């Protein structure tokens, strides 16, 4: 019998982040891995041509690309993001995500942090 995936991430265990969520034809698949008062961590798999329409969030959010490449639009400016790259989406700034090709990303929503300082 194949090992089932836990509904939440367990502590003290190593994960392959890109394997935490699988692609599906003509769909966006998401899986919440962590959900606390401080924020959430959600893995997404986008099939080619899929996306999240422009919206705002009251908190800063960090996108980490796990597989493939996508486009993140922040305040009307498009950014191409590839595997291994990350981008910060500031609170209250309109943003969208577009998948020209299949790609996976990790979204880290920082509920208690706003206006993160960059390095």
N, C-alpha and C. Protein backbone atom coordinates (compact mmCIF):
# COMPACT_ATOMS: atom_id res chain seq x y z
N UNK A 1 0.85 -1.18 0.00
CA UNK A 1 0.00 0.00 0.00
C UNK A 1 0.89 1.24 0.00
N UNK A 2 0.66 2.23 -0.90
CA UNK A 2 1.51 3.43 -0.94
C UNK A 2 1.32 4.27 0.32
N UNK A 3 2.40 4.93 0.69
CA UNK A 3 2.36 5.80 1.87
C UNK A 3 1.52 7.02 1.56
N UNK A 4 0.56 7.35 2.43
CA UNK A 4 -0.27 8.53 2.20
C UNK A 4 0.45 9.75 2.74
N UNK A 5 0.14 10.91 2.15
CA UNK A 5 0.76 12.15 2.59
C UNK A 5 -0.02 12.68 3.79
N UNK A 6 0.69 13.22 4.76
CA UNK A 6 0.00 13.78 5.92
C UNK A 6 -0.79 15.02 5.52
N UNK A 7 -1.85 15.32 6.25
CA UNK A 7 -2.64 16.50 5.94
C UNK A 7 -1.90 17.77 6.35
N UNK A 8 -0.97 17.65 7.28
CA UNK A 8 -0.13 18.76 7.71
C UNK A 8 1.30 18.27 7.78
N UNK A 9 2.21 19.20 7.71
CA UNK A 9 3.62 18.82 7.83
C UNK A 9 3.91 18.43 9.27
N UNK A 10 4.66 17.37 9.42
CA UNK A 10 5.09 16.94 10.75
C UNK A 10 6.46 17.54 11.04
N UNK A 11 6.70 17.82 12.29
CA UNK A 11 8.01 18.32 12.70
C UNK A 11 9.05 17.22 12.64
N UNK A 12 10.29 17.61 12.58
CA UNK A 12 11.45 16.71 12.59
C UNK A 12 11.39 15.70 11.46
N UNK A 13 11.01 16.17 10.27
CA UNK A 13 10.97 15.32 9.09
C UNK A 13 11.40 16.15 7.90
N UNK A 14 12.20 15.57 7.01
CA UNK A 14 12.67 16.26 5.82
C UNK A 14 11.68 16.02 4.68
N UNK A 15 11.32 17.08 3.97
CA UNK A 15 10.38 16.99 2.86
C UNK A 15 11.04 17.49 1.58
N UNK A 16 10.63 16.94 0.46
CA UNK A 16 10.96 17.48 -0.85
C UNK A 16 9.82 18.43 -1.19
N UNK A 17 10.07 19.72 -1.10
CA UNK A 17 9.01 20.71 -1.23
C UNK A 17 8.24 20.59 -2.54
N UNK A 18 8.92 20.30 -3.64
CA UNK A 18 8.25 20.21 -4.94
C UNK A 18 7.33 19.00 -5.03
N UNK A 19 7.50 18.02 -4.16
CA UNK A 19 6.66 16.82 -4.19
C UNK A 19 5.44 16.91 -3.26
N UNK A 20 5.31 18.00 -2.55
CA UNK A 20 4.20 18.14 -1.60
C UNK A 20 2.86 18.41 -2.27
N UNK A 21 2.89 18.80 -3.54
CA UNK A 21 1.67 19.06 -4.30
C UNK A 21 1.92 18.60 -5.73
N UNK A 22 0.89 18.03 -6.36
CA UNK A 22 1.04 17.46 -7.70
C UNK A 22 0.24 18.26 -8.73
N UNK A 23 0.72 18.26 -9.96
CA UNK A 23 0.02 18.92 -11.05
C UNK A 23 -1.27 18.17 -11.38
N UNK A 24 -2.25 18.92 -11.88
CA UNK A 24 -3.49 18.35 -12.41
C UNK A 24 -3.82 19.11 -13.68
N UNK A 25 -4.33 18.41 -14.69
CA UNK A 25 -4.66 19.04 -15.96
C UNK A 25 -5.69 20.15 -15.79
N UNK A 26 -5.41 21.29 -16.41
CA UNK A 26 -6.33 22.43 -16.44
C UNK A 26 -6.76 22.89 -15.04
N UNK A 27 -5.83 22.85 -14.10
CA UNK A 27 -6.21 23.17 -12.72
C UNK A 27 -5.07 23.82 -11.95
N UNK A 28 -5.44 24.40 -10.83
CA UNK A 28 -4.51 24.86 -9.82
C UNK A 28 -4.77 23.98 -8.61
N UNK A 29 -3.74 23.33 -8.12
CA UNK A 29 -3.86 22.48 -6.93
C UNK A 29 -3.13 23.18 -5.80
N UNK A 30 -3.76 23.28 -4.64
CA UNK A 30 -3.10 23.89 -3.49
C UNK A 30 -3.20 22.96 -2.29
N UNK A 31 -2.23 23.08 -1.43
CA UNK A 31 -2.20 22.26 -0.22
C UNK A 31 -1.61 23.08 0.92
N UNK A 32 -2.42 23.35 1.95
CA UNK A 32 -1.95 24.08 3.11
C UNK A 32 -1.10 23.16 3.96
N UNK A 33 0.11 23.60 4.24
CA UNK A 33 1.07 22.79 5.00
C UNK A 33 1.18 23.25 6.45
N UNK A 34 1.05 24.55 6.66
CA UNK A 34 1.13 25.13 8.00
C UNK A 34 0.07 26.21 8.08
N UNK A 35 -0.66 26.25 9.19
CA UNK A 35 -1.68 27.27 9.39
C UNK A 35 -1.68 27.64 10.87
N UNK A 36 -1.08 28.80 11.17
CA UNK A 36 -1.00 29.26 12.55
C UNK A 36 -1.46 30.71 12.62
N UNK A 37 -1.55 31.24 13.83
CA UNK A 37 -1.90 32.65 13.99
C UNK A 37 -0.88 33.56 13.32
N UNK A 38 0.37 33.09 13.22
CA UNK A 38 1.45 33.88 12.63
C UNK A 38 1.46 33.87 11.12
N UNK A 39 0.83 32.88 10.50
CA UNK A 39 0.82 32.83 9.05
C UNK A 39 0.52 31.45 8.52
N UNK A 40 0.58 31.34 7.21
CA UNK A 40 0.32 30.07 6.55
C UNK A 40 1.44 29.77 5.55
N UNK A 41 1.60 28.49 5.28
CA UNK A 41 2.49 28.02 4.23
C UNK A 41 1.66 27.11 3.34
N UNK A 42 1.57 27.46 2.06
CA UNK A 42 0.74 26.71 1.13
C UNK A 42 1.54 26.40 -0.13
N UNK A 43 1.50 25.15 -0.57
CA UNK A 43 2.13 24.75 -1.81
C UNK A 43 1.09 24.79 -2.93
N UNK A 44 1.48 25.29 -4.09
CA UNK A 44 0.60 25.39 -5.25
C UNK A 44 1.25 24.71 -6.45
N UNK A 45 0.44 24.05 -7.28
CA UNK A 45 0.87 23.52 -8.57
C UNK A 45 -0.07 24.09 -9.62
N UNK A 46 0.46 24.83 -10.58
CA UNK A 46 -0.33 25.46 -11.63
C UNK A 46 -0.11 24.73 -12.94
N UNK A 47 -1.17 24.32 -13.60
CA UNK A 47 -1.03 23.80 -14.95
C UNK A 47 -0.82 24.99 -15.88
N UNK A 48 -0.25 24.75 -17.04
CA UNK A 48 -0.02 25.81 -18.02
C UNK A 48 -1.33 26.53 -18.33
N UNK A 49 -1.26 27.86 -18.38
CA UNK A 49 -2.44 28.66 -18.69
C UNK A 49 -3.30 29.02 -17.50
N UNK A 50 -2.98 28.51 -16.32
CA UNK A 50 -3.76 28.81 -15.12
C UNK A 50 -3.16 30.01 -14.39
N UNK A 51 -3.90 30.58 -13.47
CA UNK A 51 -3.38 31.70 -12.70
C UNK A 51 -4.34 32.14 -11.62
N UNK A 52 -3.85 33.03 -10.81
CA UNK A 52 -4.65 33.67 -9.76
C UNK A 52 -4.86 35.11 -10.18
N UNK A 53 -6.11 35.53 -10.28
CA UNK A 53 -6.41 36.89 -10.74
C UNK A 53 -5.92 37.93 -9.74
N UNK A 54 -5.81 39.15 -10.21
CA UNK A 54 -5.28 40.23 -9.37
C UNK A 54 -6.14 40.40 -8.12
N UNK A 55 -5.46 40.53 -7.01
CA UNK A 55 -6.12 40.74 -5.72
C UNK A 55 -5.11 41.38 -4.77
N UNK A 56 -5.56 41.76 -3.59
CA UNK A 56 -4.66 42.28 -2.55
C UNK A 56 -4.79 41.41 -1.31
N UNK A 57 -3.80 41.50 -0.46
CA UNK A 57 -3.82 40.80 0.82
C UNK A 57 -3.33 41.78 1.88
N UNK A 58 -3.84 41.69 3.09
CA UNK A 58 -3.45 42.64 4.12
C UNK A 58 -2.10 42.34 4.77
N UNK A 59 -1.41 41.31 4.28
CA UNK A 59 -0.13 40.91 4.87
C UNK A 59 0.89 40.69 3.76
N UNK A 60 2.16 40.81 4.12
CA UNK A 60 3.23 40.48 3.18
C UNK A 60 3.18 38.98 2.91
N UNK A 61 3.58 38.60 1.70
CA UNK A 61 3.63 37.19 1.33
C UNK A 61 4.89 36.95 0.50
N UNK A 62 5.52 35.83 0.76
CA UNK A 62 6.73 35.45 0.05
C UNK A 62 6.43 34.26 -0.84
N UNK A 63 6.79 34.36 -2.12
CA UNK A 63 6.62 33.27 -3.08
C UNK A 63 8.00 32.66 -3.34
N UNK A 64 8.10 31.34 -3.18
CA UNK A 64 9.31 30.58 -3.49
C UNK A 64 8.96 29.61 -4.60
N UNK A 65 9.62 29.71 -5.77
CA UNK A 65 9.32 28.83 -6.89
C UNK A 65 10.03 27.49 -6.68
N UNK A 66 9.24 26.42 -6.73
CA UNK A 66 9.73 25.07 -6.47
C UNK A 66 10.05 24.29 -7.74
N UNK A 67 9.33 24.61 -8.83
CA UNK A 67 9.50 23.86 -10.07
C UNK A 67 9.02 24.74 -11.22
N UNK A 68 9.72 24.70 -12.33
CA UNK A 68 9.28 25.41 -13.52
C UNK A 68 9.49 26.91 -13.42
N UNK A 69 8.66 27.65 -14.13
CA UNK A 69 8.74 29.11 -14.13
C UNK A 69 7.35 29.69 -14.24
N UNK A 70 7.17 30.87 -13.68
CA UNK A 70 5.88 31.54 -13.71
C UNK A 70 6.07 33.03 -13.79
N UNK A 71 4.96 33.73 -13.68
CA UNK A 71 4.99 35.18 -13.68
C UNK A 71 4.19 35.66 -12.47
N UNK A 72 4.80 36.58 -11.72
CA UNK A 72 4.12 37.24 -10.62
C UNK A 72 4.03 38.71 -10.99
N UNK A 73 2.83 39.25 -10.94
CA UNK A 73 2.61 40.66 -11.26
C UNK A 73 2.33 41.37 -9.94
N UNK A 74 3.13 42.39 -9.65
CA UNK A 74 2.99 43.14 -8.40
C UNK A 74 2.84 44.62 -8.76
N UNK A 75 1.71 45.20 -8.38
CA UNK A 75 1.47 46.61 -8.68
C UNK A 75 1.54 46.90 -10.17
N UNK A 76 1.09 45.94 -10.98
CA UNK A 76 1.08 46.10 -12.42
C UNK A 76 2.39 45.76 -13.11
N UNK A 77 3.45 45.48 -12.36
CA UNK A 77 4.75 45.15 -12.95
C UNK A 77 4.97 43.64 -12.96
N UNK A 78 5.20 43.05 -14.14
CA UNK A 78 5.40 41.59 -14.21
C UNK A 78 6.84 41.20 -13.86
N UNK A 79 6.97 40.10 -13.16
CA UNK A 79 8.27 39.53 -12.80
C UNK A 79 8.28 38.07 -13.20
N UNK A 80 9.25 37.65 -13.99
CA UNK A 80 9.42 36.23 -14.34
C UNK A 80 10.19 35.59 -13.20
N UNK A 81 9.67 34.49 -12.69
CA UNK A 81 10.31 33.79 -11.58
C UNK A 81 10.57 32.34 -11.97
N UNK A 82 11.76 31.86 -11.68
CA UNK A 82 12.18 30.51 -12.02
C UNK A 82 12.44 29.70 -10.77
N UNK A 83 12.57 28.38 -10.99
CA UNK A 83 12.88 27.44 -9.90
C UNK A 83 14.05 27.97 -9.07
N UNK A 84 13.84 27.98 -7.76
CA UNK A 84 14.87 28.43 -6.84
C UNK A 84 14.81 29.91 -6.51
N UNK A 85 14.02 30.67 -7.26
CA UNK A 85 13.91 32.10 -6.99
C UNK A 85 12.72 32.39 -6.08
N UNK A 86 12.77 33.56 -5.46
CA UNK A 86 11.66 34.00 -4.61
C UNK A 86 11.40 35.47 -4.83
N UNK A 87 10.19 35.89 -4.47
CA UNK A 87 9.81 37.29 -4.60
C UNK A 87 8.84 37.63 -3.47
N UNK A 88 8.97 38.82 -2.93
CA UNK A 88 8.09 39.30 -1.86
C UNK A 88 6.96 40.11 -2.47
N UNK A 89 5.74 39.78 -2.09
CA UNK A 89 4.56 40.54 -2.49
C UNK A 89 4.14 41.37 -1.27
N UNK A 90 4.36 42.69 -1.34
CA UNK A 90 4.05 43.54 -0.19
C UNK A 90 2.55 43.59 0.13
N UNK A 91 2.26 43.77 1.38
CA UNK A 91 0.87 43.92 1.84
C UNK A 91 0.19 45.06 1.11
N UNK A 92 -1.09 44.87 0.82
CA UNK A 92 -1.97 45.90 0.27
C UNK A 92 -1.61 46.36 -1.14
N UNK A 93 -0.70 45.66 -1.83
CA UNK A 93 -0.35 45.98 -3.22
C UNK A 93 -0.99 44.91 -4.11
N UNK A 94 -1.75 45.31 -5.13
CA UNK A 94 -2.38 44.31 -5.99
C UNK A 94 -1.33 43.39 -6.63
N UNK A 95 -1.66 42.11 -6.67
CA UNK A 95 -0.75 41.13 -7.28
C UNK A 95 -1.55 40.01 -7.92
N UNK A 96 -0.88 39.29 -8.85
CA UNK A 96 -1.50 38.18 -9.56
C UNK A 96 -0.40 37.18 -9.88
N UNK A 97 -0.81 35.95 -10.20
CA UNK A 97 0.13 34.89 -10.58
C UNK A 97 -0.36 34.27 -11.88
N UNK A 98 0.56 34.10 -12.84
CA UNK A 98 0.22 33.51 -14.13
C UNK A 98 1.20 32.39 -14.47
N UNK A 99 0.68 31.32 -15.02
CA UNK A 99 1.51 30.18 -15.41
C UNK A 99 1.46 30.01 -16.92
N UNK A 100 2.49 30.49 -17.62
CA UNK A 100 2.59 30.23 -19.04
C UNK A 100 2.92 28.76 -19.29
N UNK A 101 3.69 28.20 -18.36
CA UNK A 101 4.04 26.77 -18.35
C UNK A 101 3.68 26.26 -16.97
N UNK A 102 3.69 24.94 -16.81
CA UNK A 102 3.45 24.38 -15.48
C UNK A 102 4.51 24.88 -14.50
N UNK A 103 4.06 25.23 -13.30
CA UNK A 103 5.04 25.54 -12.26
C UNK A 103 4.42 25.34 -10.88
N UNK A 104 5.33 25.17 -9.93
CA UNK A 104 4.93 24.99 -8.53
C UNK A 104 5.58 26.10 -7.70
N UNK A 105 4.85 26.52 -6.68
CA UNK A 105 5.38 27.55 -5.79
C UNK A 105 4.91 27.29 -4.36
N UNK A 106 5.67 27.83 -3.44
CA UNK A 106 5.33 27.82 -2.02
C UNK A 106 4.96 29.27 -1.68
N UNK A 107 3.80 29.46 -1.07
CA UNK A 107 3.37 30.79 -0.64
C UNK A 107 3.44 30.84 0.87
N UNK A 108 4.22 31.79 1.36
CA UNK A 108 4.37 31.96 2.81
C UNK A 108 3.71 33.29 3.17
N UNK A 109 2.55 33.21 3.79
CA UNK A 109 1.80 34.39 4.20
C UNK A 109 2.19 34.74 5.63
N UNK A 110 2.67 35.96 5.82
CA UNK A 110 3.19 36.40 7.11
C UNK A 110 2.18 37.30 7.79
N UNK A 111 1.24 36.71 8.52
CA UNK A 111 0.13 37.47 9.09
C UNK A 111 0.57 38.52 10.10
N UNK A 112 1.61 38.25 10.86
CA UNK A 112 1.99 39.19 11.90
C UNK A 112 3.13 40.11 11.48
N UNK A 113 3.53 40.01 10.23
CA UNK A 113 4.59 40.86 9.73
C UNK A 113 4.03 41.73 8.60
N UNK A 114 4.34 42.97 8.63
CA UNK A 114 3.91 43.87 7.58
C UNK A 114 5.06 44.85 7.35
N UNK A 115 5.36 45.11 6.10
CA UNK A 115 6.45 46.04 5.80
C UNK A 115 7.80 45.42 6.13
N UNK A 116 8.03 44.18 5.66
CA UNK A 116 9.30 43.50 5.94
C UNK A 116 10.46 44.34 5.42
N UNK A 117 11.53 44.33 6.15
CA UNK A 117 12.73 45.04 5.75
C UNK A 117 13.51 44.14 4.81
N UNK A 118 13.97 44.69 3.70
CA UNK A 118 14.75 43.91 2.76
C UNK A 118 16.23 43.99 3.14
N UNK A 119 16.99 43.08 2.56
CA UNK A 119 18.43 43.10 2.89
C UNK A 119 19.22 43.78 1.81
